Amino acid sequence: MKPLSVSSLNAQIKALLESTFLEVRVEGEISNCTIHTSGHIYFSLKDEESSIRCVMFKGNTKSLNFTPTNGQKIIACGGLSVYSPRGEYQILCSSLTPSGAGDLAKAYELLKAKLKSKGYFENKKSIPPFPKKIAILTSLTGAALQDMLRVAKSRWNLISIVAIDTLVQGAESKFMLANNIQFADSFFGTKQAFDIIIIARGGGSKEDLWAFNEEIVADAIYNAKTPIISAVGHEIDFVISDFVADLRAPTPSACMEMVLPDSKEWLQNLDSITEHFESQITQFFSHKQKQLATLQQLYQSISYQAKLQKAQQDITECFSFLHLIMQQFFIKKSKEIAPNLLHISFESALMRQSFILQSLHKELSALNPQNKIHNGYVQISINKAIKTLDKLHNGDIIELCDGVMEAKAEIISIQQS
């Protein structure tokens, strides 16, 4: 039998193993785990007697919903790969699942169906648009709380936040979560009441987040009178508390963005509203000023002299019309009565009408302001409209007339005598 070269043997082993073990599922404990800066994960999978090297390249790590750590039991799925230069083989992992995840998934679906049938996923309470006081149930040492406080500070300072230290992982965490929910909700209806209760924690494996899948926690959320928001894990993580709570937030920091208004955005809205009202008020006053100017022009155009001339013209026209009527009347009557009686009646009527006309003329003359501005008296007018002193204001330019001369003057002060 001809001996094989090392390279030839490794090549045959590579071809045999990689074609035979295209897909394997191996359960074991993680050791020597290294997450490279490139995004690849290198580790060994071991049991009590042996170990095998494993690698998961960056393209497959995106599907992970937990961070692999030493000592964690997992099920690795993938195919065998042989590195011929060193004769080493390893598992090229396409997926990693925490050991026992199948049982957890079954328990999750059973509890979800049970709570849904009981109506736990319905009758959501509304979230206040401008909360003043919020309770956050999370670990005080976790990064989730710091992220939430940072977002709150940048968005809305008019908020009071009370952080209640709560276990969010481990066997006792479900009891502490339920108790703290009941404690925060006990202030409902008092001056110390919270507007919103938030249960929060950062990402992790299904086991890490399992406290939020417990029925005791779901009961506490459902029975609470205060609106509750579930902000657990990453966007791809769904826990039972997400369905029972009044609102689900994809992450803790996103939760604060959802419940707190943005102060910068509201200030911009207020500026826009202010500008709108200022524009409306300016347009209103501009319109009223134009109306006032039109009325002033109309008032000035109807001067006292124009009214007087109109009255004189009306009287003259009335007298002419009356005279014409009387002539026609007496001409008609002249045919009916003696000429001498007609003459006497005509003269008598003419004298009466002349007396009436003279009386009207005297009254009209008495009203004529031109007859009152002799011996030191003058007439005051603005744009030919006669004014009395109580209608004048400081700074007015007035016209003075004594019947012979005219002058213009400016009002410096006005006082009551």
Protein backbone atom coordinates (compact mmCIF):
# COMPACT_ATOMS: atom_id res chain seq x y z
CA MET A 1 0.00 0.00 0.00
CA LYS A 2 1.45 3.30 -1.09
CA PRO A 3 1.82 5.74 1.80
CA LEU A 4 -0.16 9.00 1.71
CA SER A 5 1.30 12.41 2.19
CA VAL A 6 0.08 14.44 5.15
CA SER A 7 -1.57 16.93 2.81
CA SER A 8 -3.26 14.15 0.89
CA LEU A 9 -4.59 12.56 4.07
CA ASN A 10 -5.88 15.85 5.42
CA ALA A 11 -7.52 16.58 2.09
CA GLN A 12 -9.33 13.22 2.14
CA ILE A 13 -10.38 13.73 5.77
CA LYS A 14 -11.65 17.22 4.90
CA ALA A 15 -13.67 15.93 1.97
CA LEU A 16 -15.11 13.05 4.00
CA LEU A 17 -16.01 15.04 7.13
CA GLU A 18 -17.41 18.08 5.39
CA SER A 19 -19.57 16.00 3.05
CA THR A 20 -20.74 13.67 5.83
CA PHE A 21 -21.41 16.22 8.61
CA LEU A 22 -23.11 18.98 6.65
CA GLU A 23 -25.50 19.75 9.53
CA VAL A 24 -24.96 18.80 13.17
CA ARG A 25 -26.61 19.83 16.45
CA VAL A 26 -24.26 19.63 19.41
CA GLU A 27 -25.10 20.44 23.03
CA GLY A 28 -22.37 21.54 25.40
CA GLU A 29 -20.90 24.22 27.62
CA ILE A 30 -19.16 27.30 26.23
CA SER A 31 -15.48 27.84 27.17
CA ASN A 32 -12.64 30.02 25.91
CA CYS A 33 -15.18 32.36 24.35
CA THR A 34 -13.76 35.34 22.43
CA ILE A 35 -15.82 37.94 20.58
CA HIS A 36 -13.42 39.44 18.05
CA THR A 37 -13.49 43.10 17.01
CA SER A 38 -14.37 41.88 13.52
CA GLY A 39 -17.66 40.53 14.89
CA HIS A 40 -16.69 36.84 14.68
CA ILE A 41 -17.16 34.66 17.79
CA TYR A 42 -14.59 31.97 18.65
CA PHE A 43 -15.21 29.42 21.44
CA SER A 44 -15.01 25.78 22.44
CA LEU A 45 -17.95 23.52 23.19
CA LYS A 46 -17.24 20.95 25.89
CA ASP A 47 -18.75 18.30 28.11
CA GLU A 48 -17.24 16.24 30.94
CA GLU A 49 -14.92 14.26 28.63
CA SER A 50 -14.00 16.28 25.54
CA SER A 51 -14.31 19.53 23.63
CA ILE A 52 -14.53 20.80 20.06
CA ARG A 53 -13.64 24.14 18.58
CA CYS A 54 -16.39 26.33 17.16
CA VAL A 55 -16.61 29.57 15.22
CA MET A 56 -19.56 31.77 14.30
CA PHE A 57 -18.87 34.38 11.65
CA LYS A 58 -20.27 37.89 11.80
CA GLY A 59 -22.95 37.26 9.17
CA ASN A 60 -24.63 34.68 11.43
CA THR A 61 -24.21 36.53 14.74
CA LYS A 62 -26.95 39.01 13.73
CA SER A 63 -29.57 36.34 14.46
CA LEU A 64 -28.45 35.94 18.09
CA ASN A 65 -30.81 37.24 20.77
CA PHE A 66 -28.27 36.66 23.57
CA THR A 67 -24.55 37.15 24.17
CA PRO A 68 -22.60 33.87 24.51
CA THR A 69 -20.62 33.65 27.76
CA ASN A 70 -18.31 31.08 29.32
CA GLY A 71 -20.13 28.42 31.31
CA GLN A 72 -23.39 28.85 29.39
CA LYS A 73 -25.03 25.68 28.06
CA ILE A 74 -26.08 25.94 24.43
CA ILE A 75 -27.03 23.93 21.38
CA ALA A 76 -24.82 24.74 18.37
CA CYS A 77 -26.06 24.06 14.85
CA GLY A 78 -23.78 23.99 11.81
CA GLY A 79 -21.45 21.88 9.72
CA LEU A 80 -17.95 20.49 10.27
CA SER A 81 -15.03 22.25 8.66
CA VAL A 82 -11.44 20.99 8.41
CA TYR A 83 -8.43 23.30 8.31
CA SER A 84 -6.04 21.19 6.20
CA PRO A 85 -2.72 22.95 6.99
CA ARG A 86 -3.01 21.95 10.67
CA GLY A 87 -5.32 18.98 10.40
CA GLU A 88 -7.81 20.61 12.76
CA TYR A 89 -11.56 20.54 12.50
CA GLN A 90 -14.24 22.72 14.02
CA ILE A 91 -17.94 23.47 13.84
CA LEU A 92 -18.95 26.38 11.59
CA CYS A 93 -21.99 27.51 13.61
CA SER A 94 -25.01 28.88 11.77
CA SER A 95 -27.10 29.30 14.95
CA LEU A 96 -26.76 29.12 18.72
CA THR A 97 -29.63 28.39 21.10
CA PRO A 98 -29.53 28.32 24.90
CA SER A 99 -29.96 24.78 26.18
CA GLY A 100 -33.53 24.10 27.25
CA ALA A 101 -34.85 26.86 24.97
CA GLY A 102 -37.37 24.46 23.50
CA ASP A 103 -39.00 23.91 26.88
CA LEU A 104 -38.96 27.65 27.56
CA ALA A 105 -40.58 28.39 24.21
CA LYS A 106 -43.33 25.85 24.92
CA ALA A 107 -43.98 27.34 28.38
CA TYR A 108 -44.01 30.83 26.85
CA GLU A 109 -46.64 29.93 24.25
CA LEU A 110 -48.82 28.09 26.78
CA LEU A 111 -48.85 31.05 29.20
CA LYS A 112 -49.46 33.50 26.36
CA ALA A 113 -52.50 31.53 25.18
CA LYS A 114 -53.82 31.22 28.74
CA LEU A 115 -53.56 34.94 29.48
CA LYS A 116 -55.06 35.86 26.13
CA SER A 117 -58.10 33.68 26.84
CA LYS A 118 -58.50 35.46 30.19
CA GLY A 119 -58.58 38.86 28.45
CA TYR A 120 -55.24 40.06 29.82
CA PHE A 121 -54.25 41.54 26.46
CA GLU A 122 -57.33 43.77 26.17
CA ASN A 123 -58.72 46.90 27.88
CA LYS A 124 -55.57 49.00 27.62
CA LYS A 125 -55.33 52.13 29.77
CA SER A 126 -54.37 55.34 27.98
CA ILE A 127 -50.91 56.82 28.52
CA PRO A 128 -50.95 60.47 29.74
CA PRO A 129 -49.48 62.78 27.05
CA PHE A 130 -47.73 65.01 29.63
CA PRO A 131 -46.76 62.84 32.62
CA LYS A 132 -45.45 64.64 35.69
CA LYS A 133 -44.27 61.68 37.75
CA ILE A 134 -42.93 58.32 36.55
CA ALA A 135 -41.82 55.20 38.44
CA ILE A 136 -39.09 53.10 36.79
CA LEU A 137 -38.73 49.53 38.06
CA THR A 138 -35.27 48.28 37.08
CA SER A 139 -31.81 47.61 38.44
CA LEU A 140 -30.17 50.80 39.73
CA THR A 141 -26.79 49.51 38.53
CA GLY A 142 -27.92 48.58 35.02
CA ALA A 143 -27.19 50.53 31.86
CA ALA A 144 -30.90 50.68 31.01
CA LEU A 145 -31.65 53.18 33.80
CA GLN A 146 -28.82 55.50 32.77
CA ASP A 147 -29.98 55.43 29.15
CA MET A 148 -33.52 56.31 30.21
CA LEU A 149 -32.41 59.19 32.45
CA ARG A 150 -30.20 60.58 29.70
CA VAL A 151 -33.08 60.61 27.20
CA ALA A 152 -35.46 62.13 29.76
CA LYS A 153 -33.02 64.96 30.53
CA SER A 154 -32.60 65.80 26.85
CA ARG A 155 -36.34 65.81 26.08
CA TRP A 156 -38.39 67.09 29.02
CA ASN A 157 -37.09 68.49 32.32
CA LEU A 158 -40.57 69.00 33.78
CA ILE A 159 -40.73 65.43 35.03
CA SER A 160 -40.17 63.69 38.36
CA ILE A 161 -38.63 60.22 38.03
CA VAL A 162 -38.51 57.72 40.90
CA ALA A 163 -36.28 54.69 40.27
CA ILE A 164 -37.23 51.66 42.38
CA ASP A 165 -34.37 49.16 42.62
CA THR A 166 -35.69 45.86 41.28
CA LEU A 167 -34.14 42.50 40.46
CA VAL A 168 -34.69 41.88 36.75
CA GLN A 169 -32.89 38.52 36.47
CA GLY A 170 -32.70 35.38 38.56
CA ALA A 171 -35.02 33.14 40.51
CA GLU A 172 -36.23 35.84 42.92
CA SER A 173 -36.70 38.54 40.29
CA LYS A 174 -40.30 37.61 39.43
CA PHE A 175 -41.41 38.09 43.05
CA MET A 176 -39.62 41.41 43.38
CA LEU A 177 -41.06 42.64 40.09
CA ALA A 178 -44.61 41.77 41.13
CA ASN A 179 -44.19 43.28 44.61
CA ASN A 180 -42.69 46.53 43.31
CA ILE A 181 -45.45 46.89 40.71
CA GLN A 182 -48.02 46.56 43.48
CA PHE A 183 -46.08 49.01 45.67
CA ALA A 184 -45.85 51.69 42.97
CA ASP A 185 -49.52 51.21 42.08
CA SER A 186 -50.58 51.53 45.75
CA PHE A 187 -50.17 55.33 45.47
CA PHE A 188 -52.90 55.51 42.83
CA GLY A 189 -55.53 58.10 43.74
CA THR A 190 -53.25 59.95 46.19
CA LYS A 191 -51.11 63.08 45.83
CA GLN A 192 -48.05 60.82 45.55
CA ALA A 193 -49.52 58.79 42.66
CA PHE A 194 -47.44 57.98 39.61
CA ASP A 195 -48.76 58.87 36.17
CA ILE A 196 -46.91 55.92 34.60
CA ILE A 197 -45.07 52.82 35.84
CA ILE A 198 -42.28 51.51 33.60
CA ILE A 199 -40.76 48.04 34.01
CA ALA A 200 -37.45 47.96 32.16
CA ARG A 201 -34.22 46.11 31.56
CA GLY A 202 -31.65 45.81 28.77
CA GLY A 203 -31.17 42.94 26.37
CA GLY A 204 -30.22 39.37 27.23
CA SER A 205 -30.97 35.74 26.56
CA LYS A 206 -34.41 34.21 26.99
CA GLU A 207 -33.30 32.94 30.38
CA ASP A 208 -32.14 36.42 31.37
CA LEU A 209 -35.50 37.94 30.42
CA TRP A 210 -37.63 35.10 31.79
CA ALA A 211 -38.83 37.01 34.87
CA PHE A 212 -40.96 39.12 32.53
CA ASN A 213 -42.60 35.91 31.23
CA GLU A 214 -43.86 34.84 34.65
CA GLU A 215 -47.59 34.68 35.41
CA ILE A 216 -47.19 36.42 38.78
CA VAL A 217 -45.76 39.47 37.01
CA ALA A 218 -48.54 39.39 34.40
CA ASP A 219 -51.14 39.33 37.20
CA ALA A 220 -49.57 42.35 38.89
CA ILE A 221 -49.56 44.32 35.63
CA TYR A 222 -53.15 43.42 34.74
CA ASN A 223 -54.54 44.27 38.18
CA ALA A 224 -52.74 47.63 38.43
CA LYS A 225 -54.78 50.83 38.14
CA THR A 226 -51.79 52.89 36.99
CA PRO A 227 -50.84 52.73 33.27
CA ILE A 228 -47.84 50.41 32.84
CA ILE A 229 -45.27 50.30 30.04
CA SER A 230 -43.10 47.25 29.34
CA ALA A 231 -39.64 48.22 28.03
CA VAL A 232 -37.66 44.98 28.06
CA GLY A 233 -34.72 43.87 25.94
CA HIS A 234 -34.17 44.79 22.32
CA GLU A 235 -36.66 45.42 19.54
CA ILE A 236 -36.68 41.74 18.51
CA ASP A 237 -37.39 40.54 22.06
CA PHE A 238 -41.02 39.90 23.01
CA VAL A 239 -41.97 38.93 26.56
CA ILE A 240 -45.35 38.28 28.19
CA SER A 241 -45.27 41.65 29.97
CA ASP A 242 -45.25 43.35 26.55
CA PHE A 243 -48.69 41.94 25.78
CA VAL A 244 -50.25 42.54 29.20
CA ALA A 245 -48.90 46.08 29.69
CA ASP A 246 -50.80 49.10 28.40
CA LEU A 247 -47.93 49.91 26.02
CA ARG A 248 -44.88 48.06 24.74
CA ALA A 249 -41.63 49.93 24.04
CA PRO A 250 -38.94 48.29 21.88
CA THR A 251 -36.11 49.42 24.20
CA PRO A 252 -35.82 51.30 27.52
CA SER A 253 -34.45 54.44 25.88
CA ALA A 254 -37.13 54.33 23.17
CA CYS A 255 -39.70 54.15 25.96
CA MET A 256 -38.70 57.59 27.23
CA GLU A 257 -38.94 58.99 23.71
CA MET A 258 -42.46 57.59 23.44
CA VAL A 259 -43.85 58.92 26.74
CA LEU A 260 -42.05 62.26 27.10
CA PRO A 261 -42.73 65.20 24.78
CA ASP A 262 -39.79 66.86 23.04
CA SER A 263 -39.29 70.30 24.62
CA LYS A 264 -37.49 71.63 21.54
CA GLU A 265 -40.33 70.56 19.27
CA TRP A 266 -42.94 72.15 21.56
CA LEU A 267 -40.98 75.40 21.75
CA GLN A 268 -40.92 75.48 17.95
CA ASN A 269 -44.68 74.86 17.90
CA LEU A 270 -45.23 77.70 20.39
CA ASP A 271 -43.08 80.02 18.26
CA SER A 272 -45.17 79.15 15.20
CA ILE A 273 -48.42 79.74 17.08
CA THR A 274 -47.12 83.07 18.43
CA GLU A 275 -46.08 84.21 14.95
CA HIS A 276 -49.49 83.22 13.59
CA PHE A 277 -51.37 85.21 16.24
CA GLU A 278 -49.07 88.21 15.82
CA SER A 279 -49.75 88.15 12.08
CA GLN A 280 -53.52 87.90 12.64
CA ILE A 281 -53.51 90.75 15.17
CA THR A 282 -51.40 92.93 12.86
CA GLN A 283 -53.78 92.31 9.97
CA PHE A 284 -56.79 93.04 12.19
CA PHE A 285 -55.44 96.39 13.41
CA SER A 286 -54.30 97.33 9.90
CA HIS A 287 -57.82 96.68 8.60
CA LYS A 288 -59.38 98.72 11.42
CA GLN A 289 -56.95 101.58 10.81
CA LYS A 290 -57.98 101.68 7.16
CA GLN A 291 -61.65 101.72 8.16
CA LEU A 292 -60.98 104.55 10.63
CA ALA A 293 -59.12 106.57 8.00
CA THR A 294 -62.03 106.13 5.58
CA LEU A 295 -64.52 107.31 8.21
CA GLN A 296 -62.33 110.31 9.05
CA GLN A 297 -62.17 111.32 5.39
CA LEU A 298 -65.93 110.91 5.08
CA TYR A 299 -66.55 112.99 8.22
CA GLN A 300 -64.20 115.73 7.07
CA SER A 301 -65.80 115.85 3.63
CA ILE A 302 -69.21 116.61 5.18
CA SER A 303 -68.28 120.06 6.60
CA TYR A 304 -70.53 122.54 8.37
CA GLN A 305 -70.33 124.99 5.47
CA ALA A 306 -71.53 122.29 3.07
CA LYS A 307 -74.51 121.56 5.30
CA LEU A 308 -75.29 125.30 5.57
CA GLN A 309 -75.10 125.81 1.82
CA LYS A 310 -77.32 122.78 1.28
CA ALA A 311 -79.90 124.18 3.72
CA GLN A 312 -79.84 127.59 2.01
CA GLN A 313 -80.29 125.96 -1.37
CA ASP A 314 -83.20 123.86 -0.08
CA ILE A 315 -84.91 126.97 1.35
CA THR A 316 -84.44 128.88 -1.90
CA GLU A 317 -85.83 126.00 -3.91
CA CYS A 318 -88.79 125.70 -1.53
CA PHE A 319 -89.50 129.43 -1.78
CA SER A 320 -89.33 129.34 -5.58
CA PHE A 321 -91.61 126.33 -5.70
CA LEU A 322 -94.03 127.94 -3.23
CA HIS A 323 -94.04 131.17 -5.21
CA LEU A 324 -94.79 129.25 -8.40
CA ILE A 325 -97.65 127.35 -6.76
CA MET A 326 -99.11 130.56 -5.36
CA GLN A 327 -98.96 132.25 -8.75
CA GLN A 328 -100.74 129.34 -10.34
CA PHE A 329 -103.28 129.36 -7.52
CA PHE A 330 -104.04 133.06 -7.80
CA ILE A 331 -104.21 132.90 -11.59
CA LYS A 332 -106.81 130.20 -11.25
CA LYS A 333 -108.73 132.12 -8.60
CA SER A 334 -108.58 135.33 -10.61
CA LYS A 335 -111.05 133.81 -12.96
CA GLU A 336 -113.42 133.06 -10.10
CA ILE A 337 -113.42 136.26 -7.96
CA ALA A 338 -113.40 139.95 -8.55
CA PRO A 339 -110.14 141.51 -9.65
CA ASN A 340 -110.01 143.91 -6.69
CA LEU A 341 -110.48 141.09 -4.17
CA LEU A 342 -107.86 139.04 -5.99
CA HIS A 343 -105.40 141.92 -5.77
CA ILE A 344 -105.98 142.35 -2.05
CA SER A 345 -105.68 138.61 -1.37
CA PHE A 346 -102.56 138.32 -3.49
CA GLU A 347 -100.87 141.26 -1.73
CA SER A 348 -101.84 139.92 1.68
CA ALA A 349 -100.56 136.43 0.89
CA LEU A 350 -97.38 137.82 -0.60
CA MET A 351 -96.75 139.89 2.55
CA ARG A 352 -97.24 136.81 4.74
CA GLN A 353 -94.82 134.74 2.68
CA SER A 354 -92.31 137.60 2.62
CA PHE A 355 -92.52 137.80 6.41
CA ILE A 356 -91.92 134.03 6.68
CA LEU A 357 -88.99 134.27 4.29
CA GLN A 358 -87.46 137.16 6.27
CA SER A 359 -87.79 135.14 9.50
CA LEU A 360 -86.07 132.17 7.90
CA HIS A 361 -83.35 134.45 6.59
CA LYS A 362 -82.74 135.90 10.05
CA GLU A 363 -82.53 132.43 11.59
CA LEU A 364 -80.16 131.28 8.86
CA SER A 365 -78.01 134.39 9.30
CA ALA A 366 -77.87 133.77 13.03
CA LEU A 367 -76.54 130.29 12.33
CA ASN A 368 -73.95 131.55 9.86
CA PRO A 369 -70.58 131.44 11.68
CA GLN A 370 -69.31 134.26 9.43
CA ASN A 371 -71.58 136.68 11.30
CA LYS A 372 -69.99 135.79 14.64
CA ILE A 373 -66.34 136.42 13.85
CA HIS A 374 -66.15 140.21 14.12
CA ASN A 375 -64.61 142.39 16.83
CA GLY A 376 -61.76 140.01 17.70
CA TYR A 377 -63.67 136.71 17.37
CA VAL A 378 -62.37 134.07 14.99
CA GLN A 379 -63.60 130.81 13.49
CA ILE A 380 -61.55 127.60 14.12
CA SER A 381 -61.51 124.85 11.50
CA ILE A 382 -59.47 121.87 10.30
CA ASN A 383 -59.60 121.20 6.57
CA LYS A 384 -62.55 123.65 6.35
CA ALA A 385 -64.49 121.65 9.00
CA ILE A 386 -65.41 123.93 11.94
CA LYS A 387 -64.18 122.61 15.29
CA THR A 388 -64.86 123.49 18.93
CA LEU A 389 -62.02 123.57 21.45
CA ASP A 390 -63.03 120.28 23.08
CA LYS A 391 -62.49 118.51 19.72
CA LEU A 392 -58.87 119.65 19.37
CA HIS A 393 -55.73 117.74 20.36
CA ASN A 394 -52.11 118.66 20.93
CA GLY A 395 -50.27 118.91 17.62
CA ASP A 396 -53.38 119.67 15.51
CA ILE A 397 -52.85 122.25 12.72
CA ILE A 398 -55.88 124.60 12.79
CA GLU A 399 -57.14 127.38 10.52
CA LEU A 400 -58.23 130.74 12.02
CA CYS A 401 -60.53 133.14 10.15
CA ASP A 402 -62.04 136.51 11.25
CA GLY A 403 -63.90 137.13 8.01
CA VAL A 404 -61.09 139.19 6.54
CA MET A 405 -57.84 137.39 7.30
CA GLU A 406 -56.93 133.71 7.61
CA ALA A 407 -54.09 132.13 9.60
CA LYS A 408 -52.81 128.66 10.53
CA ALA A 409 -51.65 127.60 14.00
CA GLU A 410 -50.54 124.48 15.90
CA ILE A 411 -52.14 123.38 19.17
CA ILE A 412 -49.51 123.23 21.93
CA SER A 413 -51.76 122.62 24.93
CA ILE A 414 -55.45 122.49 25.81
CA GLN A 415 -56.82 123.27 29.27
CA GLN A 416 -60.25 123.74 30.74
CA SER A 417 -60.98 127.33 31.80
